[in-house]
Every structure is written in C-alpha cells, then in structure tokens.
N, C-alpha and C. Protein backbone atom coordinates (compact mmCIF):
# COMPACT_ATOMS: atom_id res chain seq x y z
N MET A 1 199.23 173.33 153.75
CA MET A 1 197.96 174.26 153.08
C MET A 1 197.48 174.63 154.83
N ALA A 2 197.21 173.46 155.75
CA ALA A 2 196.56 174.21 156.87
C ALA A 2 197.40 175.35 158.09
N ALA A 3 198.53 175.36 157.71
CA ALA A 3 199.49 176.57 158.46
C ALA A 3 198.89 177.66 157.62
N LYS A 4 198.63 177.49 156.52
CA LYS A 4 198.49 178.86 155.73
C LYS A 4 196.95 179.10 156.01
N LYS A 5 196.22 178.41 156.33
CA LYS A 5 195.11 178.67 157.13
C LYS A 5 194.46 179.35 158.39
N LEU A 6 195.76 178.44 158.96
CA LEU A 6 195.92 179.21 160.77
C LEU A 6 196.50 180.56 160.59
N GLU A 7 197.38 180.71 159.47
CA GLU A 7 197.56 182.10 159.38
C GLU A 7 196.71 183.01 159.34
N LYS A 8 195.80 182.96 158.28
CA LYS A 8 194.78 183.60 157.96
C LYS A 8 193.65 183.83 159.13
N ARG A 9 193.60 182.80 160.08
CA ARG A 9 192.09 182.29 160.98
C ARG A 9 193.59 182.51 162.35
N PRO A 10 193.92 183.04 162.78
CA PRO A 10 194.72 182.88 164.07
C PRO A 10 193.57 182.11 165.42
N HIS A 11 192.36 182.60 165.10
CA HIS A 11 191.63 182.53 166.27
C HIS A 11 191.27 180.92 166.31
N ARG A 12 191.71 180.45 165.29
CA ARG A 12 191.19 178.61 165.16
C ARG A 12 192.63 178.20 166.01
N GLN A 13 193.25 178.57 166.42
CA GLN A 13 194.40 177.77 166.84
C GLN A 13 194.51 177.62 168.68
N ASN A 14 194.81 176.62 169.14
CA ASN A 14 194.05 176.58 170.33
C ASN A 14 192.71 175.86 170.61
N GLN A 15 192.19 175.64 170.02
CA GLN A 15 190.62 175.18 170.11
C GLN A 15 190.84 173.86 170.71
N ILE A 16 189.45 173.63 171.39
CA ILE A 16 189.14 172.86 172.57
C ILE A 16 188.28 172.05 171.95
N PHE A 17 187.95 170.65 172.14
CA PHE A 17 186.89 170.03 171.55
C PHE A 17 185.78 169.32 172.52
N LEU A 18 185.10 169.55 172.60
CA LEU A 18 184.10 168.19 173.95
C LEU A 18 183.67 167.04 173.04
N GLN A 19 184.59 166.53 173.38
CA GLN A 19 184.33 164.78 172.85
C GLN A 19 182.84 164.25 173.08
N ASP A 20 182.18 164.00 172.08
CA ASP A 20 180.81 163.01 172.89
C ASP A 20 180.87 161.92 172.16
N ASN A 21 181.95 161.19 171.59
CA ASN A 21 181.83 159.84 171.39
C ASN A 21 181.45 159.87 170.44
N ALA A 22 180.79 160.62 169.42
CA ALA A 22 180.16 160.05 168.05
C ALA A 22 180.89 159.38 167.12
N ARG A 23 180.60 158.70 166.52
CA ARG A 23 181.86 158.13 165.96
C ARG A 23 182.69 158.99 164.62
N PRO A 24 181.82 159.92 164.16
CA PRO A 24 182.86 160.60 163.26
C PRO A 24 183.68 160.76 164.20
N HIS A 25 183.54 161.73 165.61
CA HIS A 25 185.06 161.95 166.31
C HIS A 25 185.67 161.19 166.83
N THR A 26 185.08 159.98 166.96
CA THR A 26 186.54 159.15 167.57
C THR A 26 187.25 158.51 166.81
N ALA A 27 186.65 158.42 165.35
CA ALA A 27 187.49 157.53 164.08
C ALA A 27 188.67 158.28 164.30
N ARG A 28 189.81 156.89 163.65
CA ARG A 28 191.18 157.38 163.73
C ARG A 28 191.39 158.40 162.71
N ILE A 29 191.04 158.91 162.10
CA ILE A 29 191.57 160.12 161.02
C ILE A 29 190.82 161.13 161.81
N THR A 30 190.17 161.38 162.51
CA THR A 30 189.79 162.25 162.73
C THR A 30 190.43 162.93 164.13
N GLN A 31 190.86 162.03 164.81
CA GLN A 31 191.78 161.74 166.17
C GLN A 31 192.91 162.48 165.80
N GLN A 32 193.64 161.62 164.17
CA GLN A 32 194.68 162.21 164.07
C GLN A 32 194.73 163.88 163.47
N LYS A 33 193.53 164.02 163.07
CA LYS A 33 193.51 165.36 162.45
C LYS A 33 193.33 166.31 163.62
N PHE A 34 192.98 165.96 164.61
CA PHE A 34 192.53 166.83 165.97
C PHE A 34 194.17 167.12 166.59
N ARG A 35 195.20 166.02 166.36
CA ARG A 35 196.54 166.28 167.00
C ARG A 35 197.17 166.74 166.08
N GLN A 36 197.20 166.75 164.64
CA GLN A 36 197.89 167.66 163.31
C GLN A 36 197.49 169.30 163.59
N LEU A 37 196.16 169.27 163.96
CA LEU A 37 195.71 170.71 164.46
C LEU A 37 196.33 171.52 165.21
N GLY A 38 196.42 170.34 166.62
CA GLY A 38 196.70 171.12 167.98
C GLY A 38 195.84 171.23 168.80
N TRP A 39 194.77 170.55 168.65
CA TRP A 39 193.55 170.85 169.40
C TRP A 39 193.52 170.18 170.49
N GLU A 40 193.24 170.37 171.41
CA GLU A 40 192.85 169.36 172.90
C GLU A 40 191.42 168.87 172.47
N VAL A 41 191.57 167.86 173.04
CA VAL A 41 190.16 167.01 172.96
C VAL A 41 189.64 166.80 174.50
N LEU A 42 188.70 167.08 174.89
CA LEU A 42 188.52 166.94 176.23
C LEU A 42 187.37 165.55 176.19
N ASP A 43 187.58 164.71 176.72
CA ASP A 43 186.93 163.57 176.90
C ASP A 43 185.23 163.53 177.02
N HIS A 44 184.36 162.77 176.66
CA HIS A 44 183.21 163.24 177.34
C HIS A 44 182.76 162.60 178.23
N PRO A 45 182.36 163.07 179.51
CA PRO A 45 182.07 161.86 180.50
C PRO A 45 181.15 160.76 180.38
N PRO A 46 181.26 159.75 181.14
CA PRO A 46 180.00 158.50 181.02
C PRO A 46 178.86 159.43 181.18
N TYR A 47 177.75 158.75 180.30
CA TYR A 47 176.58 159.39 180.41
C TYR A 47 175.89 159.21 181.88
N SER A 48 175.11 160.04 182.15
CA SER A 48 174.55 160.13 183.40
C SER A 48 173.37 161.01 183.25
N PRO A 49 172.19 159.99 183.61
CA PRO A 49 171.09 161.17 183.15
C PRO A 49 170.57 162.13 184.49
N ASP A 50 171.20 161.95 185.34
CA ASP A 50 170.78 162.75 186.28
C ASP A 50 171.49 164.36 186.63
N LEU A 51 172.58 164.37 185.57
CA LEU A 51 173.31 165.23 184.98
C LEU A 51 173.06 166.06 183.87
N ALA A 52 172.00 165.53 182.81
CA ALA A 52 171.34 166.22 181.84
C ALA A 52 170.31 166.84 182.22
N PRO A 53 169.86 168.17 181.31
CA PRO A 53 168.88 168.77 181.90
C PRO A 53 167.57 168.28 181.44
N SER A 54 167.42 167.66 180.29
CA SER A 54 166.27 166.93 179.95
C SER A 54 165.71 165.81 181.03
N ASP A 55 166.91 164.78 181.28
CA ASP A 55 166.52 163.85 182.08
C ASP A 55 166.45 164.00 183.52
N TYR A 56 167.12 164.98 184.01
CA TYR A 56 167.20 165.06 185.51
C TYR A 56 165.90 165.56 186.03
N LYS A 57 165.07 166.05 185.55
CA LYS A 57 163.83 166.54 186.23
C LYS A 57 162.97 166.23 185.27
N ALA A 58 162.62 166.18 184.12
CA ALA A 58 161.29 165.76 183.39
C ALA A 58 161.49 164.44 182.85
N PHE A 59 162.35 163.73 182.67
CA PHE A 59 161.84 162.43 182.30
C PHE A 59 162.16 161.38 183.13
N LEU A 60 162.43 161.83 184.73
CA LEU A 60 162.21 160.99 185.66
C LEU A 60 160.57 161.32 186.54
N SER A 61 160.48 162.41 186.00
CA SER A 61 159.03 162.87 186.62
C SER A 61 158.28 162.44 185.56
N LEU A 62 158.15 162.23 184.39
CA LEU A 62 157.63 161.42 183.55
C LEU A 62 157.58 159.84 183.41
N GLN A 63 158.52 159.52 183.69
CA GLN A 63 158.53 158.55 184.31
C GLN A 63 157.53 157.45 185.56
N ASN A 64 157.61 158.48 186.67
CA ASN A 64 156.60 158.13 187.64
C ASN A 64 155.30 158.27 187.03
N TRP A 65 155.14 159.24 186.16
CA TRP A 65 153.59 159.50 185.96
C TRP A 65 153.00 158.01 185.21
N LEU A 66 154.00 157.68 184.09
CA LEU A 66 153.72 156.75 183.25
C LEU A 66 153.90 155.39 183.72
N LYS A 67 154.40 155.52 185.21
CA LYS A 67 154.69 153.88 185.82
C LYS A 67 153.35 153.34 186.09
N GLY A 68 153.27 152.11 185.88
CA GLY A 68 152.01 150.97 185.91
C GLY A 68 150.90 151.30 184.83
N LYS A 69 150.94 152.28 184.37
CA LYS A 69 149.72 152.85 183.31
C LYS A 69 150.36 151.82 181.93
N GLU A 70 149.04 151.35 181.14
CA GLU A 70 148.98 150.82 179.96
C GLU A 70 148.16 151.41 178.97
N PHE A 71 148.30 151.38 177.92
CA PHE A 71 148.03 151.99 176.69
C PHE A 71 147.74 151.13 175.70
N ALA A 72 146.37 151.62 175.27
CA ALA A 72 145.78 150.55 173.90
C ALA A 72 146.33 150.97 172.45
N THR A 73 146.30 152.26 172.78
CA THR A 73 147.00 152.90 171.49
C THR A 73 148.14 154.47 171.48
N GLU A 74 148.68 154.58 170.61
CA GLU A 74 149.72 155.53 170.57
C GLU A 74 148.88 156.89 170.65
N ALA A 75 147.76 157.00 170.74
CA ALA A 75 147.02 158.20 170.81
C ALA A 75 146.82 158.22 172.26
N GLU A 76 146.39 157.23 172.85
CA GLU A 76 146.33 157.20 174.50
C GLU A 76 147.44 157.92 175.07
N LEU A 77 148.84 156.99 174.56
CA LEU A 77 150.19 157.55 175.34
C LEU A 77 150.41 158.75 175.06
N ARG A 78 149.99 159.06 173.79
CA ARG A 78 150.40 160.79 173.47
C ARG A 78 149.65 161.64 174.61
N GLN A 79 148.38 161.28 174.47
CA GLN A 79 147.41 162.15 175.32
C GLN A 79 147.94 162.51 176.82
N SER A 80 148.35 161.14 177.10
CA SER A 80 148.73 161.18 178.56
C SER A 80 149.87 161.69 178.95
N ILE A 81 150.83 161.91 177.81
CA ILE A 81 152.17 162.93 178.11
C ILE A 81 151.94 163.93 177.87
N GLN A 82 150.71 164.42 177.04
CA GLN A 82 150.57 165.97 177.08
C GLN A 82 149.88 166.00 178.64
N ASP A 83 148.79 165.31 179.14
CA ASP A 83 147.91 165.68 180.29
C ASP A 83 149.32 166.06 181.34
N TRP A 84 150.79 165.06 181.52
CA TRP A 84 151.55 165.21 182.82
C TRP A 84 152.05 166.82 182.15
N ILE A 85 152.53 166.86 181.14
CA ILE A 85 152.76 168.49 180.71
C ILE A 85 152.10 169.42 181.47
N ASP A 86 151.18 169.13 180.63
CA ASP A 86 149.78 170.25 181.39
C ASP A 86 150.02 170.56 182.75
N SER A 87 150.04 169.15 183.57
CA SER A 87 149.90 169.47 184.74
C SER A 87 151.18 169.72 185.44
N ARG A 88 152.14 169.99 185.06
CA ARG A 88 153.54 170.55 185.61
C ARG A 88 153.28 172.36 185.54
N PRO A 89 153.67 172.21 186.90
CA PRO A 89 153.84 173.90 187.09
C PRO A 89 154.77 174.76 186.46
N ALA A 90 154.35 175.77 186.03
CA ALA A 90 155.82 176.58 185.28
C ALA A 90 157.33 176.61 186.38
N GLY A 91 157.48 176.63 187.26
CA GLY A 91 157.94 176.47 188.12
C GLY A 91 159.10 175.23 187.83
N PHE A 92 158.59 174.12 187.30
CA PHE A 92 158.99 172.82 187.63
C PHE A 92 159.94 172.97 186.17
N TRP A 93 159.74 173.67 185.29
CA TRP A 93 160.49 173.32 184.25
C TRP A 93 161.94 174.38 184.57
N VAL A 94 161.68 175.32 185.14
CA VAL A 94 162.81 176.26 185.57
C VAL A 94 163.49 175.71 186.36
N MET A 95 163.18 174.89 187.59
CA MET A 95 163.85 174.47 188.69
C MET A 95 164.79 173.42 188.21
N GLY A 96 164.07 172.60 186.94
CA GLY A 96 165.11 171.39 186.37
C GLY A 96 166.34 171.93 186.17
N PHE A 97 166.56 173.46 185.52
CA PHE A 97 167.59 173.89 185.09
C PHE A 97 168.78 174.64 185.80
N THR A 98 168.26 175.33 187.02
CA THR A 98 168.29 176.03 187.58
C THR A 98 169.30 175.53 189.02
N ASP A 99 168.59 174.02 189.31
CA ASP A 99 169.34 173.07 190.12
C ASP A 99 170.84 172.38 189.51
N LEU A 100 170.48 172.44 188.18
CA LEU A 100 171.91 171.55 187.67
C LEU A 100 173.06 172.15 188.00
N PRO A 101 173.68 173.43 187.96
CA PRO A 101 174.59 173.88 188.52
C PRO A 101 175.24 173.49 190.00
N GLU A 102 174.47 172.97 190.60
CA GLU A 102 174.71 172.69 192.02
C GLU A 102 175.17 171.07 191.87
N ARG A 103 174.47 170.54 191.27
CA ARG A 103 174.63 168.80 191.16
C ARG A 103 176.02 168.48 190.21
N TRP A 104 176.06 169.84 189.06
CA TRP A 104 177.84 169.53 188.70
C TRP A 104 178.85 169.91 189.74
N ARG A 105 178.74 170.79 190.36
CA ARG A 105 179.31 171.08 191.62
C ARG A 105 179.40 169.74 192.27
N LYS A 106 178.67 169.03 192.82
CA LYS A 106 178.72 167.97 193.66
C LYS A 106 179.63 166.94 192.90
N VAL A 107 179.00 166.51 191.94
CA VAL A 107 180.02 165.80 191.06
C VAL A 107 181.27 166.03 190.96
N ILE A 108 181.88 167.25 190.76
CA ILE A 108 183.01 167.71 191.26
C ILE A 108 183.88 167.21 192.12
N GLU A 109 183.10 167.79 193.12
CA GLU A 109 183.52 167.63 194.52
C GLU A 109 183.97 165.78 194.92
N TYR A 110 182.81 165.27 194.57
CA TYR A 110 182.86 163.80 194.90
C TYR A 110 183.63 163.02 193.91
N GLU A 111 184.03 163.55 192.94
CA GLU A 111 185.21 163.08 191.99
C GLU A 111 184.33 162.12 191.35
N GLY A 112 182.94 162.58 190.76
CA GLY A 112 182.21 161.30 189.90
C GLY A 112 181.68 160.25 190.91
N ASP A 113 182.17 160.12 191.88
CA ASP A 113 181.32 159.18 192.88
C ASP A 113 179.70 159.30 192.85
N TYR A 114 179.00 158.69 193.41
CA TYR A 114 177.52 158.75 194.16
C TYR A 114 177.44 159.71 195.01
N PHE A 115 176.70 160.60 195.35
CA PHE A 115 176.52 161.16 196.26
C PHE A 115 174.99 161.60 197.21
N PRO A 116 175.30 162.02 198.34
CA PRO A 116 173.75 161.93 198.81
C PRO A 116 172.78 163.13 198.42
N GLU A 117 171.52 162.96 198.20
CA GLU A 117 170.50 163.69 198.04
C GLU A 117 170.41 164.54 199.19
N ASP A 118 170.26 165.82 198.98
CA ASP A 118 169.67 166.61 199.82
C ASP A 118 168.20 166.90 199.94
C-alpha cells in the first residue's frame, strides 16, 4: 500500500525528517516506519540555549532583568516582565535573530565545542 501511495506522490520520496527527540518520533514503531519509507532522519542536536532564537537574546536579558527581584504576586511579576519588554529598543528583537546565523556558523566551525565570544 505504501508503494502505491509513493507512486501517486513521488515528491514524498527521499524525505528528510529533522528529529526533535519527541517521544512519538523516537518510538520504535516510528523509527521502523521511517526506515520502511526510506526517509533520512537527522538527529536533533543537544539543546543549547545560546543557539535558540528565543533564548539567545530574550531570555538571557530577561533573566538579568529579574535577577535579585522578588515578587509578592503573579501580577507584580507579569508587570515587571511587561516593563522589561517595553524597555527593549526595537533593534533588540531584530539583532537577536540576525546574529544567529553567525553563531550557528561558529558552532559548525568549532565542531560543537565552546567558542570564544567576540
């Protein structure tokens, strides 16, 4: 049956699946299906917060903003986070994403090892 579907949809052959290590993707039955379909499965690299767009700029900066602060209520915390968002210049958000390809290049160049910050 799978062969007939592939005949009708040749664009589905030679698929590449980027693994994100979610349980459904790593299950034995799923892995067997990938092999059966002839799909190449790329392993997901270990989590690295300095390479994720959201973590690289935003969360590190937010962490620094919140460092040492204490909040009596969730509303106070939410207001502080909103104050932090409002205090960021527009270029802050753009730079976080435009810097990432260079960081990714360095990861490849250093074969995943730590590299010096510029």
